[in-house]
Amino acid sequence: MRPARRFDWSNLGKRALSATVLAPLAILAVWIGDWAFLLIMAAAVAVLANEWSLMSAPRSPLRVAGAITVTVLAAAFAGYFQNFALAWALIVVAAIGCALIARGVAERPVDCAFGALYIGVPCLALIWLRSAAPQGRTWTILLFAVTWSADIAAFIVGNLLKGPKLWPRFSPNKTWSGFAGGLTAAVLASIAVTAVSRVASDEPIRLSLGAAGLMGLVGGLATMGGDLLESILKRRFGVKDSGDLIPGHGGLLDRVDGLMFAILAVAGARLIHLAGRAA
């Protein structure tokens, strides 16, 4: 019988060290908003585009990365100035343009187009979420809390309890125990942030605690789904990590894969919430 795998304390330490640098930077950018938020977003888009192109277009990564970066940033700037109709149109143009550029340099057009959507859609949704008044700032903090709690708890609980694998074909290290632990943490984080915002913020999240728990569950499921999707994509491209930028994680894409899906879930919930209040 193969001995049980021990908890990877060294990897947890690397993850914790990375988090102490990245988490405050992200929260500060969200809290300040305006150009600080946009600059962090622009830097993230450039890094993500580079990592995606190195995986999906190894023969011409610079051209593909440049195409994704320029087109997605054009949409991001349009969204920042509240012209979301133009921004979403530019996302479609970005996908088509990237596919044409990839075809011209003998890369797979579908991969480049998907990369523009994979990076651009969550980017634009996050800009909208942060700018959506009222409570844009606290909803974005809620998003981060749910995603980070799900990710950390899934890693710790999965390593401690182990058990049956979640989807061994694509992600052999993920377990059902980690999945359950991540969802539980996401629900608790959502309820906690909502409750704290009522007494400690001038932008309280106007959800009942039950609705906040449901929001956490949806966000947690999206986080797990995004993580699994990136595992499938990395298998397709034959790579273990998207890069080596962040100790304990790999690339930036490895760090924000779950967040990118959670953005869509939370932004969708926020849109429904605003529509319900306006009705």
Protein backbone atom coordinates (compact mmCIF):
# COMPACT_ATOMS: atom_id res chain seq x y z
CA MET A 1 0.00 0.00 0.00
CA ARG A 2 1.33 3.43 -0.93
CA PRO A 3 1.95 5.60 2.16
CA ALA A 4 -0.37 8.56 2.69
CA ARG A 5 0.93 11.81 1.32
CA ARG A 6 2.02 14.17 4.07
CA PHE A 7 0.77 17.70 4.40
CA ASP A 8 2.91 20.00 2.27
CA TRP A 9 3.88 22.56 4.91
CA SER A 10 6.63 24.07 2.75
CA ASN A 11 4.19 24.80 -0.06
CA LEU A 12 1.71 26.28 2.43
CA GLY A 13 4.45 28.58 3.71
CA LYS A 14 5.23 29.78 0.18
CA ARG A 15 1.55 30.39 -0.47
CA ALA A 16 1.20 32.34 2.78
CA LEU A 17 4.23 34.49 1.94
CA SER A 18 2.85 35.23 -1.53
CA ALA A 19 -0.53 36.10 -0.04
CA THR A 20 0.98 38.60 2.40
CA VAL A 21 2.28 40.54 -0.59
CA LEU A 22 -0.53 40.16 -3.12
CA ALA A 23 -3.64 40.31 -0.92
CA PRO A 24 -2.94 43.75 0.65
CA LEU A 25 -2.04 45.14 -2.77
CA ALA A 26 -5.31 43.91 -4.26
CA ILE A 27 -7.41 45.18 -1.34
CA LEU A 28 -5.67 48.56 -1.38
CA ALA A 29 -6.32 48.96 -5.11
CA VAL A 30 -9.99 48.07 -4.62
CA TRP A 31 -10.31 50.43 -1.66
CA ILE A 32 -8.71 53.39 -3.47
CA GLY A 33 -10.36 52.65 -6.81
CA ASP A 34 -9.90 55.04 -9.72
CA TRP A 35 -6.49 54.92 -11.40
CA ALA A 36 -4.89 52.69 -8.74
CA PHE A 37 -7.44 49.99 -9.49
CA LEU A 38 -7.10 50.42 -13.24
CA LEU A 39 -3.29 50.25 -13.12
CA ILE A 40 -3.35 46.99 -11.15
CA MET A 41 -5.86 45.61 -13.63
CA ALA A 42 -3.69 46.64 -16.59
CA ALA A 43 -0.61 44.99 -15.09
CA ALA A 44 -2.58 41.81 -14.38
CA VAL A 45 -3.95 41.68 -17.93
CA ALA A 46 -0.43 41.99 -19.38
CA VAL A 47 0.90 39.18 -17.17
CA LEU A 48 -2.09 36.91 -17.83
CA ALA A 49 -1.86 37.48 -21.59
CA ASN A 50 1.83 36.60 -21.51
CA GLU A 51 1.24 33.40 -19.54
CA TRP A 52 -1.65 32.37 -21.76
CA SER A 53 0.35 32.93 -24.94
CA LEU A 54 3.35 30.95 -23.63
CA MET A 55 1.03 27.99 -23.02
CA SER A 56 -1.19 28.23 -26.08
CA ALA A 57 1.08 29.81 -28.74
CA PRO A 58 4.66 28.69 -28.05
CA ARG A 59 5.88 29.55 -31.56
CA SER A 60 4.82 33.22 -31.45
CA PRO A 61 4.03 34.09 -27.83
CA LEU A 62 4.97 37.77 -28.01
CA ARG A 63 2.63 38.58 -30.90
CA VAL A 64 -0.28 36.71 -29.39
CA ALA A 65 0.34 38.22 -25.94
CA GLY A 66 0.56 41.68 -27.45
CA ALA A 67 -2.69 41.23 -29.35
CA ILE A 68 -4.57 40.03 -26.25
CA THR A 69 -3.10 42.73 -24.03
CA VAL A 70 -3.82 45.65 -26.34
CA THR A 71 -7.36 44.62 -27.22
CA VAL A 72 -8.41 43.65 -23.68
CA LEU A 73 -6.95 46.86 -22.24
CA ALA A 74 -8.87 48.89 -24.82
CA ALA A 75 -12.07 47.28 -23.54
CA ALA A 76 -10.98 47.80 -19.92
CA PHE A 77 -10.40 51.52 -20.45
CA ALA A 78 -13.79 51.86 -22.12
CA GLY A 79 -15.37 50.14 -19.11
CA TYR A 80 -13.44 52.35 -16.70
CA PHE A 81 -15.01 55.40 -18.34
CA GLN A 82 -18.44 53.73 -17.97
CA ASN A 83 -18.95 53.04 -21.66
CA PHE A 84 -19.79 49.37 -21.17
CA ALA A 85 -21.62 48.99 -24.48
CA LEU A 86 -18.40 49.89 -26.29
CA ALA A 87 -16.36 47.80 -23.86
CA TRP A 88 -18.31 44.60 -24.52
CA ALA A 89 -18.20 45.24 -28.26
CA LEU A 90 -14.42 45.61 -27.99
CA ILE A 91 -14.20 42.24 -26.21
CA VAL A 92 -15.83 40.61 -29.24
CA VAL A 93 -13.48 42.52 -31.55
CA ALA A 94 -10.57 41.39 -29.37
CA ALA A 95 -11.47 37.73 -29.81
CA ILE A 96 -11.84 38.05 -33.59
CA GLY A 97 -8.68 40.14 -33.95
CA CYS A 98 -6.61 37.77 -31.86
CA ALA A 99 -7.83 34.81 -33.90
CA LEU A 100 -6.75 36.53 -37.12
CA ILE A 101 -3.34 37.41 -35.71
CA ALA A 102 -2.82 33.86 -34.47
CA ARG A 103 -3.74 32.49 -37.87
CA GLY A 104 -1.22 34.80 -39.49
CA VAL A 105 1.63 33.49 -37.32
CA ALA A 106 0.69 29.82 -37.68
CA GLU A 107 -0.85 29.44 -34.21
CA ARG A 108 -4.29 28.07 -33.36
CA PRO A 109 -6.86 30.87 -33.82
CA VAL A 110 -9.39 29.32 -31.43
CA ASP A 111 -6.88 29.28 -28.57
CA CYS A 112 -6.00 32.93 -29.04
CA ALA A 113 -9.62 33.99 -29.33
CA PHE A 114 -10.53 32.00 -26.24
CA GLY A 115 -7.63 33.60 -24.37
CA ALA A 116 -8.98 37.08 -25.15
CA LEU A 117 -12.41 36.08 -23.80
CA TYR A 118 -11.01 34.10 -20.87
CA ILE A 119 -9.05 37.14 -19.67
CA GLY A 120 -11.18 39.98 -21.02
CA VAL A 121 -14.66 39.02 -19.81
CA PRO A 122 -13.74 38.65 -16.10
CA CYS A 123 -11.61 41.81 -16.34
CA LEU A 124 -14.54 43.84 -17.61
CA ALA A 125 -16.96 42.26 -15.14
CA LEU A 126 -14.63 43.16 -12.26
CA ILE A 127 -14.40 46.77 -13.42
CA TRP A 128 -18.20 46.92 -13.55
CA LEU A 129 -18.55 45.31 -10.12
CA ARG A 130 -16.15 47.79 -8.50
CA SER A 131 -17.81 50.78 -10.17
CA ALA A 132 -21.44 49.69 -9.63
CA ALA A 133 -22.93 52.11 -7.11
CA PRO A 134 -23.78 51.77 -4.36
CA GLN A 135 -21.53 49.33 -2.44
CA GLY A 136 -19.20 48.57 -5.34
CA ARG A 137 -16.20 48.56 -3.07
CA THR A 138 -17.67 46.25 -0.42
CA TRP A 139 -19.07 43.83 -3.01
CA THR A 140 -15.59 43.54 -4.51
CA ILE A 141 -14.11 42.87 -1.06
CA LEU A 142 -16.84 40.23 -0.63
CA LEU A 143 -15.74 38.63 -3.90
CA PHE A 144 -12.12 38.43 -2.76
CA ALA A 145 -13.06 37.06 0.67
CA VAL A 146 -15.20 34.30 -0.82
CA THR A 147 -12.61 33.30 -3.41
CA TRP A 148 -9.60 33.37 -1.12
CA SER A 149 -11.43 31.52 1.67
CA ALA A 150 -12.56 28.80 -0.72
CA ASP A 151 -9.09 28.42 -2.19
CA ILE A 152 -7.23 28.33 1.14
CA ALA A 153 -9.70 26.02 2.87
CA ALA A 154 -9.80 23.62 -0.07
CA PHE A 155 -6.00 23.37 0.00
CA ILE A 156 -5.71 22.88 3.77
CA VAL A 157 -8.71 20.57 4.28
CA GLY A 158 -7.86 18.53 1.19
CA ASN A 159 -4.28 18.01 2.36
CA LEU A 160 -5.27 17.18 5.94
CA LEU A 161 -8.28 14.92 5.34
CA LYS A 162 -7.45 13.64 1.85
CA GLY A 163 -9.97 11.01 0.73
CA PRO A 164 -11.54 10.35 -2.70
CA LYS A 165 -10.31 12.41 -5.62
CA LEU A 166 -12.61 15.03 -7.11
CA TRP A 167 -11.61 14.58 -10.77
CA PRO A 168 -8.35 12.60 -10.98
CA ARG A 169 -8.21 12.60 -14.76
CA PHE A 170 -7.54 16.34 -14.90
CA SER A 171 -6.57 17.34 -11.36
CA PRO A 172 -5.16 14.42 -9.34
CA ASN A 173 -4.49 16.47 -6.18
CA LYS A 174 -8.02 17.80 -5.63
CA THR A 175 -10.28 15.86 -3.26
CA TRP A 176 -13.94 15.86 -2.29
CA SER A 177 -12.94 16.79 1.25
CA GLY A 178 -11.14 19.88 -0.06
CA PHE A 179 -14.16 20.71 -2.20
CA ALA A 180 -16.50 20.55 0.81
CA GLY A 181 -14.07 22.51 2.98
CA GLY A 182 -13.72 25.21 0.34
CA LEU A 183 -17.47 25.62 -0.07
CA THR A 184 -18.02 25.81 3.68
CA ALA A 185 -15.35 28.48 4.04
CA ALA A 186 -16.80 30.48 1.14
CA VAL A 187 -20.26 30.50 2.73
CA LEU A 188 -18.89 31.57 6.13
CA ALA A 189 -16.70 34.27 4.57
CA SER A 190 -19.63 35.74 2.66
CA ILE A 191 -21.81 35.86 5.78
CA ALA A 192 -18.97 37.37 7.83
CA VAL A 193 -18.15 40.12 5.32
CA THR A 194 -21.83 41.00 4.94
CA ALA A 195 -22.32 41.18 8.72
CA VAL A 196 -19.17 43.26 9.29
CA SER A 197 -20.08 45.66 6.47
CA ARG A 198 -23.31 46.53 8.30
CA VAL A 199 -21.45 47.92 11.30
CA ALA A 200 -18.04 48.92 9.98
CA SER A 201 -18.61 50.33 6.49
CA ASP A 202 -20.35 53.31 4.97
CA GLU A 203 -21.22 50.97 2.06
CA PRO A 204 -23.01 48.06 3.80
CA ILE A 205 -23.90 45.05 1.70
CA ARG A 206 -27.70 44.97 1.69
CA LEU A 207 -28.25 41.23 1.73
CA SER A 208 -29.88 39.07 4.37
CA LEU A 209 -27.47 36.65 6.01
CA GLY A 210 -29.24 33.79 4.25
CA ALA A 211 -28.80 35.47 0.87
CA ALA A 212 -25.17 36.18 1.77
CA GLY A 213 -24.65 32.49 2.52
CA LEU A 214 -26.17 31.56 -0.84
CA MET A 215 -23.91 34.13 -2.49
CA GLY A 216 -20.93 32.48 -0.82
CA LEU A 217 -22.02 29.05 -2.02
CA VAL A 218 -22.38 30.26 -5.62
CA GLY A 219 -19.06 32.08 -5.45
CA GLY A 220 -17.35 29.05 -3.94
CA LEU A 221 -18.71 26.74 -6.63
CA ALA A 222 -17.51 29.19 -9.29
CA THR A 223 -14.07 29.32 -7.67
CA MET A 224 -13.78 25.52 -7.74
CA GLY A 225 -15.08 25.43 -11.31
CA GLY A 226 -12.53 27.98 -12.48
CA ASP A 227 -9.73 26.03 -10.83
CA LEU A 228 -10.81 22.81 -12.51
CA LEU A 229 -11.13 24.50 -15.91
CA GLU A 230 -7.58 25.76 -15.74
CA SER A 231 -6.40 22.27 -14.83
CA ILE A 232 -8.12 20.98 -17.97
CA LEU A 233 -6.55 23.72 -20.09
CA LYS A 234 -3.07 23.05 -18.72
CA ARG A 235 -3.50 19.37 -19.50
CA ARG A 236 -4.48 20.31 -23.03
CA PHE A 237 -1.38 22.45 -23.48
CA GLY A 238 0.89 19.95 -21.73
CA VAL A 239 2.11 22.23 -18.91
CA LYS A 240 2.11 21.84 -15.12
CA ASP A 241 1.87 25.56 -14.26
CA SER A 242 1.05 28.66 -16.26
CA GLY A 243 4.33 30.25 -15.11
CA ASP A 244 6.65 30.67 -12.14
CA LEU A 245 5.89 34.23 -11.06
CA ILE A 246 4.34 33.44 -7.66
CA PRO A 247 6.08 31.08 -5.21
CA GLY A 248 3.83 28.24 -4.09
CA HIS A 249 1.34 28.80 -6.91
CA GLY A 250 3.13 29.03 -10.24
CA GLY A 251 1.92 31.79 -12.53
CA LEU A 252 -0.58 34.54 -11.93
CA LEU A 253 -3.14 32.52 -13.89
CA ASP A 254 -2.69 29.68 -11.40
CA ARG A 255 -3.46 32.15 -8.60
CA VAL A 256 -6.54 33.81 -10.13
CA ASP A 257 -8.11 30.93 -12.09
CA GLY A 258 -10.87 30.49 -9.53
CA LEU A 259 -11.25 34.24 -9.05
CA MET A 260 -11.93 34.74 -12.76
CA PHE A 261 -15.00 32.49 -12.60
CA ALA A 262 -16.07 33.84 -9.22
CA ILE A 263 -16.04 37.37 -10.67
CA LEU A 264 -18.69 36.32 -13.17
CA ALA A 265 -20.82 34.66 -10.49
CA VAL A 266 -20.67 37.57 -8.04
CA ALA A 267 -21.12 40.20 -10.76
CA GLY A 268 -24.14 38.27 -12.04
CA ALA A 269 -25.59 38.13 -8.53
CA ARG A 270 -24.93 41.84 -8.08
CA LEU A 271 -26.68 42.62 -11.36
CA ILE A 272 -29.73 40.59 -10.27
CA HIS A 273 -29.67 42.33 -6.88
CA LEU A 274 -29.60 45.79 -8.46
CA ALA A 275 -32.36 44.87 -10.91
CA GLY A 276 -34.50 43.60 -8.03
CA ARG A 277 -34.04 46.80 -6.05
CA ALA A 278 -34.90 48.92 -9.10
CA ALA A 279 -38.07 46.96 -9.85
